[in-house]
């Protein structure tokens, strides 16, 4: 019992330290609100029309920025479903085997009925010993969260959260609105920043807030713009940050474009089919985070059949099943569900007949 207490205290201290970058961002944003609204708009701008326009546009950007940031921080990253976890009997069987090849045979037997297409660099089944589960495609173990995260992109200290399948759209919107927020402040503050150097501002404390507001907003704009452009490139290629560093490995070998479909489909995987939800920090991404369409599946004869592919020769119908069109509320319920279920593709055999077709895992009613 004694060693456990220092360990729990250490973990508690780590959790507190992890929130320091978030607290720093919150303080910067709170000060920028005070400096822009009170010191610039109310104290320094004399024209009423200009003041009203600036305040209206600023508050729209401010609300969307805070909303997206909140969603990125507090949206819980999704973990693999229980179908990917080893049963107690499989765990015991795996522990009894000392040879790596025998363990891989056990893992291959378990994986044959699961929609798993990626492998390790050596061609082995991707298995997490820490979580005791088979990793779905694009899933990785986060050492900070100590969990396997679906479609993990990276662990971001500025949001104290893993960016993955469940909150990647929110992270992108956070970059968009924070960049617009900083650019708007920089553009509107520029004229008064020039007045500061030409002695055109009265000698009040507002002039120093205007000076530092311009510097901080312009510097953040540069860093946010570079990060936003990089993630736009990732979306166009349908890659995560981890996949950009290390390309995914399939049975036939490494392929950095394995999940690339087209720009439109790559974009809709993250933002969804309904345009009206694209700019709003509400979950609308397609899929369930466990199974992803890949241009390589159909080329690999060793891959098990998947509901993504159609047994029919109708190409348009097959493409329609790649990205099922779902209303937002249904997508939300699948994301926040806890009772996993298996839904078969059209024309597939009864779901009890494993091996007739691979199941597409969906989630229902998680809180």
Protein backbone atom coordinates (compact mmCIF):
# COMPACT_ATOMS: atom_id res chain seq x y z
CA UNK A 1 0.00 0.00 0.00
CA UNK A 2 2.89 2.39 0.75
CA UNK A 3 4.31 2.61 -2.82
CA UNK A 4 0.85 3.31 -4.23
CA UNK A 5 0.37 6.54 -2.34
CA UNK A 6 3.47 8.36 -3.67
CA UNK A 7 2.53 7.17 -7.14
CA UNK A 8 -1.00 8.60 -6.84
CA UNK A 9 0.42 11.88 -5.48
CA UNK A 10 2.83 12.06 -8.41
CA UNK A 11 0.01 11.45 -10.89
CA UNK A 12 -2.08 14.15 -9.21
CA UNK A 13 0.78 16.64 -9.53
CA UNK A 14 1.24 15.70 -13.18
CA UNK A 15 -2.45 16.31 -13.87
CA UNK A 16 -2.16 19.79 -12.36
CA UNK A 17 0.98 20.58 -14.37
CA UNK A 18 -0.72 19.46 -17.59
CA UNK A 19 -3.27 22.26 -17.17
CA UNK A 20 -0.66 25.03 -17.02
CA UNK A 21 -0.50 25.58 -20.83
CA UNK A 22 -4.31 25.73 -20.95
CA UNK A 23 -4.35 28.23 -18.09
CA UNK A 24 -1.77 30.32 -19.94
CA UNK A 25 -3.98 30.44 -23.06
CA UNK A 26 -7.06 31.31 -20.97
CA UNK A 27 -5.23 34.21 -19.29
CA UNK A 28 -3.94 35.53 -22.62
CA UNK A 29 -7.45 35.40 -24.14
CA UNK A 30 -9.00 37.05 -21.08
CA UNK A 31 -6.45 39.88 -21.22
CA UNK A 32 -6.96 40.29 -24.98
CA UNK A 33 -10.71 40.65 -24.39
CA UNK A 34 -10.09 43.38 -21.81
CA UNK A 35 -7.52 45.16 -23.97
CA UNK A 36 -9.58 45.08 -27.18
CA UNK A 37 -13.08 45.73 -25.83
CA UNK A 38 -12.37 48.18 -23.05
CA UNK A 39 -9.04 49.81 -23.82
CA UNK A 40 -9.23 49.94 -27.63
CA UNK A 41 -12.90 50.06 -28.60
CA UNK A 42 -14.44 51.89 -25.65
CA UNK A 43 -11.55 54.11 -24.53
CA UNK A 44 -9.61 54.83 -27.72
CA UNK A 45 -12.00 54.66 -30.71
CA UNK A 46 -14.12 57.80 -30.97
CA UNK A 47 -16.27 56.97 -34.01
CA UNK A 48 -19.44 55.22 -32.79
CA UNK A 49 -20.11 53.34 -36.03
CA UNK A 50 -16.58 51.98 -36.18
CA UNK A 51 -16.79 51.01 -32.52
CA UNK A 52 -20.06 49.07 -33.00
CA UNK A 53 -18.82 47.20 -36.09
CA UNK A 54 -15.57 46.22 -34.39
CA UNK A 55 -17.38 44.96 -31.28
CA UNK A 56 -19.93 42.93 -33.26
CA UNK A 57 -17.36 41.18 -35.44
CA UNK A 58 -15.03 40.67 -32.50
CA UNK A 59 -17.66 38.99 -30.33
CA UNK A 60 -18.74 36.63 -33.12
CA UNK A 61 -15.14 35.48 -33.57
CA UNK A 62 -14.57 35.38 -29.82
CA UNK A 63 -17.61 33.15 -29.18
CA UNK A 64 -16.74 30.72 -31.99
CA UNK A 65 -13.11 30.61 -30.90
CA UNK A 66 -13.97 29.88 -27.24
CA UNK A 67 -16.61 27.33 -28.26
CA UNK A 68 -14.21 25.40 -30.50
CA UNK A 69 -11.47 25.56 -27.87
CA UNK A 70 -13.83 24.25 -25.20
CA UNK A 71 -14.94 21.36 -27.42
CA UNK A 72 -11.35 20.43 -28.21
CA UNK A 73 -10.40 20.36 -24.55
CA UNK A 74 -13.41 18.58 -23.07
CA UNK A 75 -14.39 16.13 -25.80
CA UNK A 76 -13.28 12.76 -24.53
CA UNK A 77 -11.08 10.86 -27.02
CA UNK A 78 -12.65 7.61 -28.15
CA UNK A 79 -11.03 4.29 -27.28
CA UNK A 80 -11.32 1.01 -29.22
CA UNK A 81 -14.49 -0.99 -28.72
CA UNK A 82 -14.54 -4.12 -26.59
CA UNK A 83 -14.50 -6.30 -29.73
CA UNK A 84 -10.83 -5.33 -30.12
CA UNK A 85 -9.97 -6.28 -26.55
CA UNK A 86 -8.71 -9.74 -25.69
CA UNK A 87 -10.98 -12.05 -23.76
CA UNK A 88 -9.70 -13.59 -20.54
CA UNK A 89 -9.14 -16.93 -22.26
CA UNK A 90 -7.16 -15.28 -25.07
CA UNK A 91 -5.06 -13.38 -22.52
CA UNK A 92 -4.22 -16.60 -20.70
CA UNK A 93 -3.42 -18.34 -23.97
CA UNK A 94 -1.17 -15.46 -25.04
CA UNK A 95 0.66 -15.44 -21.70
CA UNK A 96 1.38 -19.17 -21.91
CA UNK A 97 3.11 -18.76 -25.27
CA UNK A 98 6.74 -17.73 -25.06
CA UNK A 99 7.56 -17.62 -28.75
CA UNK A 100 6.66 -14.50 -30.69
CA UNK A 101 5.47 -16.45 -33.72
CA UNK A 102 3.02 -18.47 -31.63
CA UNK A 103 1.67 -15.27 -30.10
CA UNK A 104 1.25 -13.79 -33.57
CA UNK A 105 -0.72 -16.85 -34.65
CA UNK A 106 -3.13 -16.26 -31.77
CA UNK A 107 -3.43 -12.57 -32.64
CA UNK A 108 -3.98 -13.34 -36.33
CA UNK A 109 -6.77 -15.74 -35.40
CA UNK A 110 -8.47 -13.05 -33.33
CA UNK A 111 -7.91 -10.35 -35.97
CA UNK A 112 -9.31 -12.29 -38.91
CA UNK A 113 -12.90 -11.30 -38.03
CA UNK A 114 -12.02 -7.68 -37.30
CA UNK A 115 -11.67 -4.84 -39.84
CA UNK A 116 -7.91 -4.45 -39.36
CA UNK A 117 -5.74 -3.78 -42.42
CA UNK A 118 -2.59 -2.12 -41.05
CA UNK A 119 0.40 -3.92 -39.58
CA UNK A 120 3.63 -3.14 -37.74
CA UNK A 121 6.83 -2.48 -39.68
CA UNK A 122 7.69 -6.17 -39.39
CA UNK A 123 4.26 -7.20 -40.72
CA UNK A 124 2.90 -8.32 -37.33
CA UNK A 125 -0.56 -7.62 -35.92
CA UNK A 126 -0.64 -4.27 -34.12
CA UNK A 127 -1.18 -5.21 -30.47
CA UNK A 128 -1.07 -2.93 -27.41
CA UNK A 129 0.35 -4.79 -24.43
CA UNK A 130 -0.55 -1.92 -22.12
CA UNK A 131 -4.26 -1.94 -23.02
CA UNK A 132 -4.38 -5.63 -23.98
CA UNK A 133 -6.16 -5.04 -27.28
CA UNK A 134 -5.68 -5.25 -31.02
CA UNK A 135 -5.27 -1.76 -32.39
CA UNK A 136 -7.80 -0.69 -35.04
CA UNK A 137 -6.41 1.05 -38.10
CA UNK A 138 -4.99 4.50 -37.31
CA UNK A 139 -5.26 3.84 -33.56
CA UNK A 140 -2.23 4.55 -31.35
CA UNK A 141 -1.40 4.42 -27.67
CA UNK A 142 -0.93 7.81 -26.00
CA UNK A 143 1.72 7.69 -23.29
CA UNK A 144 0.28 10.81 -21.61
CA UNK A 145 -3.34 9.63 -21.49
CA UNK A 146 -2.17 6.01 -21.06
CA UNK A 147 -4.89 4.85 -23.45
CA UNK A 148 -5.28 3.77 -27.05
CA UNK A 149 -6.89 6.61 -29.01
CA UNK A 150 -8.91 6.11 -32.20
CA UNK A 151 -7.33 7.87 -35.19
CA UNK A 152 -4.87 9.59 -32.92
CA UNK A 153 -3.28 12.68 -34.45
CA UNK A 154 -1.19 13.94 -31.54
CA UNK A 155 -1.39 14.84 -27.87
CA UNK A 156 -1.67 18.62 -27.66
CA UNK A 157 -0.41 20.26 -24.43
CA UNK A 158 -2.27 23.49 -25.30
CA UNK A 159 -5.61 21.70 -24.93
CA UNK A 160 -4.40 19.05 -22.44
CA UNK A 161 -6.08 16.40 -24.54
CA UNK A 162 -5.44 13.91 -27.28
CA UNK A 163 -6.52 15.11 -30.72
CA UNK A 164 -8.14 12.20 -32.51
CA UNK A 165 -11.25 10.96 -34.25
CA UNK A 166 -13.73 12.43 -31.77
CA UNK A 167 -12.33 15.99 -31.65
CA UNK A 168 -10.19 16.52 -34.76
CA UNK A 169 -12.90 18.65 -36.38
CA UNK A 170 -13.05 20.77 -33.21
CA UNK A 171 -9.28 21.15 -33.26
CA UNK A 172 -9.37 22.36 -36.88
CA UNK A 173 -12.12 24.86 -36.08
CA UNK A 174 -10.13 26.00 -33.07
CA UNK A 175 -7.20 26.75 -35.40
CA UNK A 176 -9.49 28.53 -37.88
CA UNK A 177 -11.25 30.77 -35.37
CA UNK A 178 -8.16 31.50 -33.28
CA UNK A 179 -6.32 32.52 -36.46
CA UNK A 180 -9.22 34.75 -37.57
CA UNK A 181 -9.42 36.16 -34.04
CA UNK A 182 -5.74 37.14 -34.06
CA UNK A 183 -5.82 38.48 -37.63
CA UNK A 184 -8.87 40.63 -36.87
CA UNK A 185 -7.22 42.10 -33.77
CA UNK A 186 -4.01 42.74 -35.71
CA UNK A 187 -5.87 44.46 -38.58
CA UNK A 188 -8.07 46.66 -36.39
CA UNK A 189 -5.27 47.54 -33.98
CA UNK A 190 -2.75 48.44 -36.70
CA UNK A 191 -3.93 52.04 -37.15
CA UNK A 192 -3.77 52.75 -33.44
CA UNK A 193 -0.44 50.94 -33.18
CA UNK A 194 0.95 53.40 -35.75
CA UNK A 195 -0.54 56.29 -33.78
CA UNK A 196 1.37 55.04 -30.75
CA UNK A 197 4.69 55.65 -32.52
CA UNK A 198 3.61 58.96 -34.08
CA UNK A 199 2.47 60.29 -30.70
CA UNK A 200 -1.13 60.34 -31.91
CA UNK A 201 -2.54 58.56 -28.86
CA UNK A 202 -3.28 60.31 -25.57
CA UNK A 203 -1.03 59.51 -22.63
CA UNK A 204 -3.20 56.88 -20.95
CA UNK A 205 -2.72 53.25 -19.96
CA UNK A 206 -4.67 52.24 -23.09
CA UNK A 207 -1.67 52.96 -25.32
CA UNK A 208 0.38 50.21 -23.67
CA UNK A 209 -2.45 47.69 -23.99
CA UNK A 210 -2.77 48.63 -27.68
CA UNK A 211 0.97 48.14 -28.17
CA UNK A 212 1.17 44.70 -26.57
CA UNK A 213 -2.13 43.62 -28.10
CA UNK A 214 -0.73 44.20 -31.59
CA UNK A 215 2.53 42.38 -30.86
CA UNK A 216 0.89 39.36 -29.24
CA UNK A 217 -1.87 39.03 -31.88
CA UNK A 218 0.58 39.31 -34.78
CA UNK A 219 2.99 36.75 -33.29
CA UNK A 220 0.21 34.27 -32.55
CA UNK A 221 -1.10 34.80 -36.10
CA UNK A 222 2.19 33.61 -37.59
CA UNK A 223 2.38 30.44 -35.49
CA UNK A 224 -1.32 29.62 -35.92
CA UNK A 225 -1.16 30.19 -39.68
CA UNK A 226 1.73 27.73 -40.09
CA UNK A 227 -0.04 25.11 -37.94
CA UNK A 228 -3.34 25.62 -39.78
CA UNK A 229 -1.71 25.28 -43.22
CA UNK A 230 0.04 22.09 -42.11
CA UNK A 231 -3.20 20.48 -40.90
CA UNK A 232 -5.01 21.55 -44.06
CA UNK A 233 -2.34 19.66 -45.98
CA UNK A 234 -2.88 16.64 -43.73
CA UNK A 235 -6.64 16.68 -44.40
CA UNK A 236 -6.05 16.92 -48.15
CA UNK A 237 -3.83 13.83 -47.95
CA UNK A 238 -6.03 12.08 -45.34
CA UNK A 239 -3.14 11.64 -42.94
CA UNK A 240 -2.68 12.21 -39.25
CA UNK A 241 0.40 13.86 -37.80
CA UNK A 242 1.67 10.44 -36.73
CA UNK A 243 1.08 9.02 -40.23
CA UNK A 244 2.94 11.96 -41.76
CA UNK A 245 5.94 11.11 -39.57
CA UNK A 246 5.65 7.33 -40.05
CA UNK A 247 3.60 6.05 -42.98
CA UNK A 248 1.08 3.26 -42.23
CA UNK A 249 2.09 -0.28 -43.09
CA UNK A 250 -0.29 -2.61 -44.91
CA UNK A 251 0.14 -6.27 -45.82
CA UNK A 252 1.73 -5.41 -49.12
CA UNK A 253 4.06 -2.85 -47.50
CA UNK A 254 4.32 0.77 -46.45
CA UNK A 255 2.11 3.30 -48.23
CA UNK A 256 1.82 6.90 -47.10
CA UNK A 257 -1.26 7.41 -49.31
CA UNK A 258 -3.06 4.29 -48.13
CA UNK A 259 -6.03 6.21 -46.70
CA UNK A 260 -6.10 8.91 -49.38
CA UNK A 261 -9.32 8.78 -51.41
CA UNK A 262 -9.90 12.22 -52.92
CA UNK A 263 -9.87 15.77 -51.58
CA UNK A 264 -13.66 15.87 -51.28
CA UNK A 265 -13.94 12.51 -49.50
CA UNK A 266 -10.97 13.24 -47.27
CA UNK A 267 -12.54 16.54 -46.24
CA UNK A 268 -15.96 14.99 -45.63
CA UNK A 269 -14.43 12.31 -43.42
CA UNK A 270 -13.53 15.06 -40.96
CA UNK A 271 -16.32 17.62 -41.45
CA UNK A 272 -19.23 15.45 -42.61
CA UNK A 273 -21.66 15.62 -45.50
CA UNK A 274 -23.86 18.50 -44.34
CA UNK A 275 -22.34 21.88 -45.23
CA UNK A 276 -24.38 23.74 -42.60
CA UNK A 277 -22.46 21.94 -39.81
CA UNK A 278 -18.96 22.54 -41.19
CA UNK A 279 -18.29 25.87 -39.37
CA UNK A 280 -19.98 24.81 -36.11
CA UNK A 281 -18.11 22.96 -33.32
CA UNK A 282 -20.60 20.09 -33.29
CA UNK A 283 -19.54 16.56 -34.12
CA UNK A 284 -20.38 15.65 -37.72
CA UNK A 285 -17.44 13.49 -38.83
CA UNK A 286 -18.19 10.32 -40.79
CA UNK A 287 -17.55 6.80 -39.56
CA UNK A 288 -17.02 5.28 -36.14
CA UNK A 289 -13.26 5.68 -35.74
CA UNK A 290 -12.57 1.94 -36.02
CA UNK A 291 -12.95 1.35 -39.75
CA UNK A 292 -11.68 3.66 -42.49
CA UNK A 293 -12.08 3.36 -46.25
CA UNK A 294 -8.76 2.74 -47.95
CA UNK A 295 -7.78 2.69 -51.58
CA UNK A 296 -5.61 -0.37 -50.86
CA UNK A 297 -8.19 -2.79 -49.47
CA UNK A 298 -9.59 -3.76 -52.85
CA UNK A 299 -6.08 -4.37 -54.19
CA UNK A 300 -5.12 -6.86 -51.48
CA UNK A 301 -6.58 -10.34 -52.10
CA UNK A 302 -5.55 -11.46 -48.61
CA UNK A 303 -7.72 -8.87 -46.90
CA UNK A 304 -11.00 -10.20 -45.50
CA UNK A 305 -14.18 -8.93 -47.07
CA UNK A 306 -15.44 -5.63 -45.72
CA UNK A 307 -18.86 -4.00 -45.73
CA UNK A 308 -17.25 -1.00 -47.40
CA UNK A 309 -16.99 -3.05 -50.57
CA UNK A 310 -20.08 -4.08 -52.43
CA UNK A 311 -20.67 -7.54 -53.82
CA UNK A 312 -22.71 -5.84 -56.48
CA UNK A 313 -21.12 -4.44 -59.62
CA UNK A 314 -22.83 -1.11 -59.12
CA UNK A 315 -19.98 1.34 -58.61
CA UNK A 316 -22.09 4.24 -57.43
CA UNK A 317 -23.75 2.12 -54.77
CA UNK A 318 -20.36 0.98 -53.49
CA UNK A 319 -19.14 4.53 -53.31
CA UNK A 320 -22.29 5.49 -51.44
CA UNK A 321 -21.56 2.90 -48.77
CA UNK A 322 -18.00 4.18 -48.35
CA UNK A 323 -19.31 7.38 -46.84
CA UNK A 324 -22.80 6.73 -45.47
CA UNK A 325 -24.84 9.89 -45.27
CA UNK A 326 -26.08 10.28 -41.71
CA UNK A 327 -27.92 13.10 -39.95
CA UNK A 328 -25.96 14.91 -37.28
CA UNK A 329 -27.87 13.53 -34.31
CA UNK A 330 -27.31 9.94 -35.38
CA UNK A 331 -23.59 10.63 -35.76
CA UNK A 332 -23.53 12.16 -32.30
CA UNK A 333 -25.30 9.19 -30.73
CA UNK A 334 -22.82 6.80 -32.37
CA UNK A 335 -19.88 8.85 -31.13
CA UNK A 336 -21.15 9.04 -27.56
CA UNK A 337 -22.31 5.46 -27.26
CA UNK A 338 -21.09 2.69 -25.02
CA UNK A 339 -23.00 -0.41 -26.06
CA UNK A 340 -21.21 -1.71 -29.14
CA UNK A 341 -23.11 -3.52 -31.83
CA UNK A 342 -22.28 -5.02 -35.21
CA UNK A 343 -24.10 -3.98 -38.35
CA UNK A 344 -23.59 -5.93 -41.54
CA UNK A 345 -23.31 -4.56 -45.07
CA UNK A 346 -26.08 -5.06 -47.58
CA UNK A 347 -26.48 -8.61 -48.76
CA UNK A 348 -24.21 -9.98 -45.99
CA UNK A 349 -25.04 -13.18 -44.14
CA UNK A 350 -26.44 -13.24 -40.63
CA UNK A 351 -24.13 -11.50 -38.14
CA UNK A 352 -23.65 -14.74 -36.15
CA UNK A 353 -21.84 -16.24 -39.10
CA UNK A 354 -18.45 -14.68 -38.49
CA UNK A 355 -16.16 -14.80 -41.42
CA UNK A 356 -18.91 -14.46 -43.99
CA UNK A 357 -18.16 -10.78 -43.94
CA UNK A 358 -16.29 -8.40 -41.67
CA UNK A 359 -18.52 -6.40 -39.35
CA UNK A 360 -18.67 -2.64 -39.25
CA UNK A 361 -18.62 -1.68 -35.63
CA UNK A 362 -21.00 0.98 -34.46
CA UNK A 363 -21.66 2.41 -31.06
CA UNK A 364 -24.93 3.29 -29.41
CA UNK A 365 -25.96 5.08 -26.24
CA UNK A 366 -22.64 5.94 -24.57
CA UNK A 367 -22.71 8.64 -21.99
